[in-house]
Amino acid sequence: MNLSQVGVPTLDSEVTNIETQGFWLWTDNREYFVSFTDYPAFLDATIAQIHHVQTLSPGQLYWPDLDVDIEVDALDNPERFPLQYH
C-alpha cells in the first residue's frame, strides 16, 4: 500500500451539529442551518437518519432513510422556494 497516493473524496456533505431547532449542514464549502420548522420531515427523524445525507449531484442533497431531498439553492435563496406541505 502506497500512502502517498491521493484518494477519492468520500465526504461531500456532512451534518455537523444537531440542535433542538434544527441541524447544521456542511456542503459545497458552506454551512447551512436547516430548521425543523422549515423542514418538518426531519423533526421526528433519528440522529442516524439525519446524519445519513448523500450528495446526488452538485447542489442536490438526499436523505435516503427519510426519502427527503433539498436543493442547496433553496437553502441559499429560501424566498425563491416557498415551502408547502400537504
Protein backbone atom coordinates (compact mmCIF):
# COMPACT_ATOMS: atom_id res chain seq x y z
CA MET A 1 0.00 0.00 0.00
CA ASN A 2 1.35 3.38 -1.00
CA LEU A 3 0.31 6.09 1.46
CA SER A 4 1.38 8.85 -0.90
CA GLN A 5 -1.49 8.14 -3.30
CA VAL A 6 -4.30 10.63 -3.24
CA GLY A 7 -7.66 9.05 -2.57
CA VAL A 8 -11.11 9.91 -3.82
CA PRO A 9 -13.02 12.25 -1.54
CA THR A 10 -15.81 10.36 0.20
CA LEU A 11 -17.46 13.12 2.20
CA ASP A 12 -19.28 15.66 0.07
CA SER A 13 -21.82 16.76 2.66
CA GLU A 14 -21.91 16.39 6.41
CA VAL A 15 -24.26 17.16 9.26
CA THR A 16 -22.01 18.91 11.77
CA ASN A 17 -24.41 19.52 14.66
CA ILE A 18 -27.99 18.77 15.66
CA GLU A 19 -29.89 21.13 17.96
CA THR A 20 -33.45 21.28 19.25
CA GLN A 21 -34.46 23.71 16.49
CA GLY A 22 -32.70 22.03 13.56
CA PHE A 23 -29.30 20.97 12.32
CA TRP A 24 -26.17 22.39 10.73
CA LEU A 25 -25.16 21.05 7.33
CA TRP A 26 -21.78 21.46 5.64
CA THR A 27 -21.83 21.19 1.85
CA ASP A 28 -20.19 22.96 -1.09
CA ASN A 29 -17.71 24.60 1.32
CA ARG A 30 -20.53 26.37 3.17
CA GLU A 31 -22.51 25.73 6.31
CA TYR A 32 -26.30 25.96 6.43
CA PHE A 33 -28.84 25.76 9.23
CA VAL A 34 -31.79 23.52 8.35
CA SER A 35 -34.62 24.29 10.76
CA PHE A 36 -37.20 21.72 11.75
CA THR A 37 -39.84 24.41 11.29
CA ASP A 38 -38.93 24.87 7.62
CA TYR A 39 -38.23 21.16 7.03
CA PRO A 40 -40.59 19.21 9.33
CA ALA A 41 -39.73 15.90 7.65
CA PHE A 42 -36.64 15.87 9.89
CA LEU A 43 -38.49 16.64 13.12
CA ASP A 44 -39.10 13.02 14.18
CA ALA A 45 -36.03 11.59 12.45
CA THR A 46 -33.34 9.79 14.40
CA ILE A 47 -29.84 11.18 14.69
CA ALA A 48 -28.59 8.43 12.39
CA GLN A 49 -31.23 9.26 9.76
CA ILE A 50 -30.30 12.95 9.78
CA HIS A 51 -26.59 12.16 9.55
CA HIS A 52 -27.14 9.84 6.57
CA VAL A 53 -27.02 12.52 3.86
CA GLN A 54 -25.86 11.94 0.29
CA THR A 55 -24.91 14.35 -2.46
CA LEU A 56 -26.78 13.18 -5.55
CA SER A 57 -25.41 15.86 -7.84
CA PRO A 58 -23.89 19.29 -7.37
CA GLY A 59 -26.40 21.21 -5.33
CA GLN A 60 -28.76 18.33 -4.60
CA LEU A 61 -28.80 16.59 -1.22
CA TYR A 62 -30.72 13.43 -0.34
CA TRP A 63 -31.56 11.61 2.89
CA PRO A 64 -32.39 8.06 1.70
CA ASP A 65 -33.67 6.84 5.09
CA LEU A 66 -36.27 9.63 5.06
CA ASP A 67 -36.81 9.96 1.28
CA VAL A 68 -36.15 13.71 1.61
CA ASP A 69 -34.19 15.86 -0.80
CA ILE A 70 -33.17 19.51 -0.61
CA GLU A 71 -31.70 21.72 -3.30
CA VAL A 72 -28.81 23.81 -1.98
CA ASP A 73 -30.28 26.72 -3.93
CA ALA A 74 -33.33 26.52 -1.62
CA LEU A 75 -31.02 26.96 1.37
CA ASP A 76 -29.23 29.87 -0.32
CA ASN A 77 -32.43 31.56 -1.53
CA PRO A 78 -35.39 30.40 0.57
CA GLU A 79 -37.56 33.25 -0.71
CA ARG A 80 -37.49 31.66 -4.18
CA PHE A 81 -38.68 28.31 -2.83
CA PRO A 82 -41.83 28.75 -0.76
CA LEU A 83 -42.34 25.65 1.35
CA GLN A 84 -45.71 23.96 1.04
CA TYR A 85 -46.73 20.81 2.85
CA HIS A 86 -49.94 18.92 2.27
